Amino acid sequence: MRVAVKDANILIDLIEADLLPLWFRLGIETHTTDLVRYEVQEPTQRRILDNFVNAGLLRVVELSPEELSSVQGVSVRLRVSLADASALALAKRLGAALLSGDQALRKAAAAEKIEVRGVLWVLDRLVERRLLVPGAAATHLRTLMDGGSFLPAGECNERLRRWEAKGRP
């Protein structure tokens, strides 16, 4: 994957688990929309996000009035929020993968033939690239699970078993 578009829930999850700096070390060109950026409203999360925007690591695309009108139609047709529809439209325009944990958005992306990945995929890449050791990956995953992220329990537990086993002597 060379280019990724993120929605708000994955940005928030990566911020809360302190994984956003590691994400950018993967070298994947990363975009989002102005509508998604505005969904990140908690002041600390917004400050962290803005630091990456100001550093040029997260590119924020501002929608034109014409694009906004088109996105509104997509939002209604696919029954997703306006911000989510904007991320979907941007991923389609860029030929990029969409990173999201939102089930409705993931289904809409699949229907549009757009590659969709989530936070577990991000953790897997960080471990594969040795940017995160397995024991630390397990700790970050537990942080997400304890924080209320809606992640598939079976897949989380499988990773926890695998990563925690690698962390033992």
C-alpha atoms as a PDB file:
ATOM      1  CA  MET A   1       0.000   0.000   0.000  1.00  0.00           C
ATOM      2  CA  ARG A   2       1.442   3.350  -1.022  1.00  0.00           C
ATOM      3  CA  VAL A   3      -1.440   5.689  -0.172  1.00  0.00           C
ATOM      4  CA  ALA A   4      -4.039   5.563   2.576  1.00  0.00           C
ATOM      5  CA  VAL A   5      -7.039   7.669   3.515  1.00  0.00           C
ATOM      6  CA  LYS A   6      -8.074   7.659   7.164  1.00  0.00           C
ATOM      7  CA  ASP A   7     -11.410   8.269   8.791  1.00  0.00           C
ATOM      8  CA  ALA A   8     -11.846   9.833  12.223  1.00  0.00           C
ATOM      9  CA  ASN A   9     -12.245   6.644  14.255  1.00  0.00           C
ATOM     10  CA  ILE A  10      -8.931   5.190  13.141  1.00  0.00           C
ATOM     11  CA  LEU A  11      -7.154   8.502  13.688  1.00  0.00           C
ATOM     12  CA  ILE A  12      -8.600   8.667  17.207  1.00  0.00           C
ATOM     13  CA  ASP A  13      -7.699   5.034  17.937  1.00  0.00           C
ATOM     14  CA  LEU A  14      -4.107   5.563  16.788  1.00  0.00           C
ATOM     15  CA  ILE A  15      -3.821   8.739  18.855  1.00  0.00           C
ATOM     16  CA  GLU A  16      -5.294   7.117  21.977  1.00  0.00           C
ATOM     17  CA  ALA A  17      -3.005   4.077  21.685  1.00  0.00           C
ATOM     18  CA  ASP A  18      -0.008   6.363  20.999  1.00  0.00           C
ATOM     19  CA  LEU A  19       0.532   4.678  17.626  1.00  0.00           C
ATOM     20  CA  LEU A  20       0.162   7.609  15.238  1.00  0.00           C
ATOM     21  CA  PRO A  21       3.887   8.496  15.270  1.00  0.00           C
ATOM     22  CA  LEU A  22       4.735   4.874  14.445  1.00  0.00           C
ATOM     23  CA  TRP A  23       2.164   4.826  11.638  1.00  0.00           C
ATOM     24  CA  PHE A  24       4.034   7.593   9.839  1.00  0.00           C
ATOM     25  CA  ARG A  25       7.267   5.612  10.101  1.00  0.00           C
ATOM     26  CA  LEU A  26       5.701   3.011   7.788  1.00  0.00           C
ATOM     27  CA  GLY A  27       6.195   5.509   4.949  1.00  0.00           C
ATOM     28  CA  ILE A  28       2.632   5.328   3.663  1.00  0.00           C
ATOM     29  CA  GLU A  29       1.376   8.570   2.142  1.00  0.00           C
ATOM     30  CA  THR A  30      -1.578   9.514   4.317  1.00  0.00           C
ATOM     31  CA  HIS A  31      -4.588  11.693   3.544  1.00  0.00           C
ATOM     32  CA  THR A  32      -7.876  12.642   5.113  1.00  0.00           C
ATOM     33  CA  THR A  33     -10.537  15.238   4.415  1.00  0.00           C
ATOM     34  CA  ASP A  34     -11.330  18.492   6.147  1.00  0.00           C
ATOM     35  CA  LEU A  35     -14.653  16.986   7.262  1.00  0.00           C
ATOM     36  CA  VAL A  36     -12.874  14.080   8.962  1.00  0.00           C
ATOM     37  CA  ARG A  37     -10.375  16.433  10.570  1.00  0.00           C
ATOM     38  CA  TYR A  38     -13.232  18.441  12.087  1.00  0.00           C
ATOM     39  CA  GLU A  39     -14.659  15.261  13.655  1.00  0.00           C
ATOM     40  CA  VAL A  40     -11.592  15.050  15.901  1.00  0.00           C
ATOM     41  CA  GLN A  41     -12.787  17.544  18.491  1.00  0.00           C
ATOM     42  CA  GLU A  42     -11.232  16.505  21.795  1.00  0.00           C
ATOM     43  CA  PRO A  43      -8.558  19.184  22.391  1.00  0.00           C
ATOM     44  CA  THR A  44      -5.593  16.890  23.129  1.00  0.00           C
ATOM     45  CA  GLN A  45      -6.396  14.614  20.193  1.00  0.00           C
ATOM     46  CA  ARG A  46      -6.854  17.635  17.923  1.00  0.00           C
ATOM     47  CA  ARG A  47      -3.496  19.106  18.993  1.00  0.00           C
ATOM     48  CA  ILE A  48      -1.716  15.820  18.258  1.00  0.00           C
ATOM     49  CA  LEU A  49      -3.445  15.502  14.894  1.00  0.00           C
ATOM     50  CA  ASP A  50      -2.645  19.107  13.967  1.00  0.00           C
ATOM     51  CA  ASN A  51       1.044  18.520  14.748  1.00  0.00           C
ATOM     52  CA  PHE A  52       1.147  15.820  12.055  1.00  0.00           C
ATOM     53  CA  VAL A  53      -0.807  18.014   9.639  1.00  0.00           C
ATOM     54  CA  ASN A  54       1.589  20.933  10.241  1.00  0.00           C
ATOM     55  CA  ALA A  55       4.579  18.601   9.748  1.00  0.00           C
ATOM     56  CA  GLY A  56       3.172  17.622   6.333  1.00  0.00           C
ATOM     57  CA  LEU A  57       2.754  13.966   7.287  1.00  0.00           C
ATOM     58  CA  LEU A  58      -1.050  13.978   7.197  1.00  0.00           C
ATOM     59  CA  ARG A  59      -2.448  15.702   4.133  1.00  0.00           C
ATOM     60  CA  VAL A  60      -5.883  17.233   4.599  1.00  0.00           C
ATOM     61  CA  VAL A  61      -7.939  17.661   1.441  1.00  0.00           C
ATOM     62  CA  GLU A  62     -10.491  20.437   1.475  1.00  0.00           C
ATOM     63  CA  LEU A  63     -13.559  19.573  -0.552  1.00  0.00           C
ATOM     64  CA  SER A  64     -14.788  21.954  -3.211  1.00  0.00           C
ATOM     65  CA  PRO A  65     -18.493  22.897  -3.226  1.00  0.00           C
ATOM     66  CA  GLU A  66     -19.001  20.505  -6.170  1.00  0.00           C
ATOM     67  CA  GLU A  67     -17.275  17.652  -4.345  1.00  0.00           C
ATOM     68  CA  LEU A  68     -19.273  18.382  -1.204  1.00  0.00           C
ATOM     69  CA  SER A  69     -22.499  18.152  -3.190  1.00  0.00           C
ATOM     70  CA  SER A  70     -21.404  14.807  -4.647  1.00  0.00           C
ATOM     71  CA  VAL A  71     -20.358  13.530  -1.208  1.00  0.00           C
ATOM     72  CA  GLN A  72     -23.780  14.438   0.183  1.00  0.00           C
ATOM     73  CA  GLY A  73     -25.364  12.163  -2.409  1.00  0.00           C
ATOM     74  CA  VAL A  74     -22.944   9.349  -1.521  1.00  0.00           C
ATOM     75  CA  SER A  75     -23.715   9.848   2.170  1.00  0.00           C
ATOM     76  CA  VAL A  76     -27.447   9.430   1.583  1.00  0.00           C
ATOM     77  CA  ARG A  77     -27.079   6.565  -0.906  1.00  0.00           C
ATOM     78  CA  LEU A  78     -24.697   4.519   1.255  1.00  0.00           C
ATOM     79  CA  ARG A  79     -26.149   5.574   4.622  1.00  0.00           C
ATOM     80  CA  VAL A  80     -22.896   6.842   6.103  1.00  0.00           C
ATOM     81  CA  SER A  81     -22.031  10.187   7.682  1.00  0.00           C
ATOM     82  CA  LEU A  82     -20.950  13.088   5.502  1.00  0.00           C
ATOM     83  CA  ALA A  83     -17.387  12.878   6.883  1.00  0.00           C
ATOM     84  CA  ASP A  84     -17.248   9.135   6.216  1.00  0.00           C
ATOM     85  CA  ALA A  85     -18.582   9.638   2.700  1.00  0.00           C
ATOM     86  CA  SER A  86     -15.865  12.243   2.128  1.00  0.00           C
ATOM     87  CA  ALA A  87     -13.148   9.773   3.177  1.00  0.00           C
ATOM     88  CA  LEU A  88     -14.658   7.149   0.887  1.00  0.00           C
ATOM     89  CA  ALA A  89     -14.792   9.583  -2.046  1.00  0.00           C
ATOM     90  CA  LEU A  90     -11.189  10.666  -1.455  1.00  0.00           C
ATOM     91  CA  ALA A  91      -9.955   7.058  -1.298  1.00  0.00           C
ATOM     92  CA  LYS A  92     -11.734   6.359  -4.575  1.00  0.00           C
ATOM     93  CA  ARG A  93     -10.316   9.499  -6.226  1.00  0.00           C
ATOM     94  CA  LEU A  94      -6.750   8.701  -5.099  1.00  0.00           C
ATOM     95  CA  GLY A  95      -6.968   4.958  -5.769  1.00  0.00           C
ATOM     96  CA  ALA A  96      -6.014   4.556  -2.118  1.00  0.00           C
ATOM     97  CA  ALA A  97      -6.891   2.133   0.612  1.00  0.00           C
ATOM     98  CA  LEU A  98      -9.349   3.338   3.240  1.00  0.00           C
ATOM     99  CA  LEU A  99      -8.416   2.861   6.886  1.00  0.00           C
ATOM    100  CA  SER A 100     -11.501   2.634   9.050  1.00  0.00           C
ATOM    101  CA  GLY A 101     -13.023   0.694  11.878  1.00  0.00           C
ATOM    102  CA  ASP A 102     -16.558   1.899  11.157  1.00  0.00           C
ATOM    103  CA  GLN A 103     -18.614  -1.092  10.017  1.00  0.00           C
ATOM    104  CA  ALA A 104     -21.028   0.850   7.796  1.00  0.00           C
ATOM    105  CA  LEU A 105     -18.148   2.646   6.089  1.00  0.00           C
ATOM    106  CA  ARG A 106     -16.218  -0.593   5.620  1.00  0.00           C
ATOM    107  CA  LYS A 107     -19.256  -2.178   3.927  1.00  0.00           C
ATOM    108  CA  ALA A 108     -19.761   0.885   1.732  1.00  0.00           C
ATOM    109  CA  ALA A 109     -16.083   0.817   0.707  1.00  0.00           C
ATOM    110  CA  ALA A 110     -16.256  -2.883  -0.125  1.00  0.00           C
ATOM    111  CA  ALA A 111     -19.338  -2.213  -2.272  1.00  0.00           C
ATOM    112  CA  GLU A 112     -17.334   0.480  -4.091  1.00  0.00           C
ATOM    113  CA  LYS A 113     -14.408  -1.976  -4.574  1.00  0.00           C
ATOM    114  CA  ILE A 114     -12.092   0.072  -2.343  1.00  0.00           C
ATOM    115  CA  GLU A 115      -9.500  -1.746  -0.234  1.00  0.00           C
ATOM    116  CA  VAL A 116     -10.340  -1.357   3.462  1.00  0.00           C
ATOM    117  CA  ARG A 117      -8.054  -1.953   6.425  1.00  0.00           C
ATOM    118  CA  GLY A 118      -8.347  -1.342  10.153  1.00  0.00           C
ATOM    119  CA  VAL A 119      -6.286  -0.798  13.259  1.00  0.00           C
ATOM    120  CA  LEU A 120      -5.419  -4.508  13.592  1.00  0.00           C
ATOM    121  CA  TRP A 121      -3.865  -4.364  10.135  1.00  0.00           C
ATOM    122  CA  VAL A 122      -1.864  -1.319  11.251  1.00  0.00           C
ATOM    123  CA  LEU A 123      -0.600  -3.188  14.329  1.00  0.00           C
ATOM    124  CA  ASP A 124       0.340  -6.186  12.164  1.00  0.00           C
ATOM    125  CA  ARG A 125       2.368  -3.938   9.820  1.00  0.00           C
ATOM    126  CA  LEU A 126       4.136  -2.255  12.741  1.00  0.00           C
ATOM    127  CA  VAL A 127       5.156  -5.651  14.139  1.00  0.00           C
ATOM    128  CA  GLU A 128       6.190  -6.993  10.708  1.00  0.00           C
ATOM    129  CA  ARG A 129       8.367  -3.939  10.063  1.00  0.00           C
ATOM    130  CA  ARG A 130       9.851  -4.249  13.576  1.00  0.00           C
ATOM    131  CA  LEU A 131       8.695  -0.770  14.525  1.00  0.00           C
ATOM    132  CA  LEU A 132       6.885  -2.384  17.441  1.00  0.00           C
ATOM    133  CA  VAL A 133       7.914  -5.515  19.329  1.00  0.00           C
ATOM    134  CA  PRO A 134       5.150  -8.091  19.834  1.00  0.00           C
ATOM    135  CA  GLY A 135       4.844  -7.492  23.596  1.00  0.00           C
ATOM    136  CA  ALA A 136       4.400  -3.751  23.035  1.00  0.00           C
ATOM    137  CA  ALA A 137       1.865  -4.429  20.275  1.00  0.00           C
ATOM    138  CA  ALA A 138      -0.146  -6.490  22.780  1.00  0.00           C
ATOM    139  CA  THR A 139      -0.028  -3.612  25.263  1.00  0.00           C
ATOM    140  CA  HIS A 140      -1.233  -1.122  22.629  1.00  0.00           C
ATOM    141  CA  LEU A 141      -3.999  -3.494  21.579  1.00  0.00           C
ATOM    142  CA  ARG A 142      -5.142  -3.889  25.189  1.00  0.00           C
ATOM    143  CA  THR A 143      -5.223  -0.081  25.489  1.00  0.00           C
ATOM    144  CA  LEU A 144      -7.550   0.069  22.491  1.00  0.00           C
ATOM    145  CA  MET A 145      -9.747  -2.730  23.791  1.00  0.00           C
ATOM    146  CA  ASP A 146      -9.941  -1.233  27.284  1.00  0.00           C
ATOM    147  CA  GLY A 147     -10.718   2.175  25.773  1.00  0.00           C
ATOM    148  CA  GLY A 148     -13.871   0.877  24.138  1.00  0.00           C
ATOM    149  CA  SER A 149     -12.747   0.473  20.532  1.00  0.00           C
ATOM    150  CA  PHE A 150     -15.070  -1.792  18.608  1.00  0.00           C
ATOM    151  CA  LEU A 151     -12.637  -4.462  17.485  1.00  0.00           C
ATOM    152  CA  PRO A 152     -13.383  -8.110  16.627  1.00  0.00           C
ATOM    153  CA  ALA A 153     -12.805 -10.002  19.886  1.00  0.00           C
ATOM    154  CA  GLY A 154     -11.652 -13.236  18.239  1.00  0.00           C
ATOM    155  CA  GLU A 155      -9.012 -11.542  16.100  1.00  0.00           C
ATOM    156  CA  CYS A 156      -7.840  -9.439  19.052  1.00  0.00           C
ATOM    157  CA  ASN A 157      -7.515 -12.456  21.334  1.00  0.00           C
ATOM    158  CA  GLU A 158      -5.586 -14.408  18.694  1.00  0.00           C
ATOM    159  CA  ARG A 159      -3.093 -11.570  18.308  1.00  0.00           C
ATOM    160  CA  LEU A 160      -2.796 -11.122  22.070  1.00  0.00           C
ATOM    161  CA  ARG A 161      -1.978 -14.831  22.520  1.00  0.00           C
ATOM    162  CA  ARG A 162       0.593 -14.738  19.722  1.00  0.00           C
ATOM    163  CA  TRP A 163       2.223 -11.446  20.678  1.00  0.00           C
ATOM    164  CA  GLU A 164       2.272 -12.095  24.416  1.00  0.00           C
ATOM    165  CA  ALA A 165       3.812 -15.545  23.840  1.00  0.00           C
ATOM    166  CA  LYS A 166       6.633 -13.920  21.839  1.00  0.00           C
ATOM    167  CA  GLY A 167       7.228 -11.490  24.681  1.00  0.00           C
ATOM    168  CA  ARG A 168       7.944 -14.248  27.224  1.00  0.00           C
ATOM    169  CA  PRO A 169      11.441 -15.637  27.862  1.00  0.00           C
END
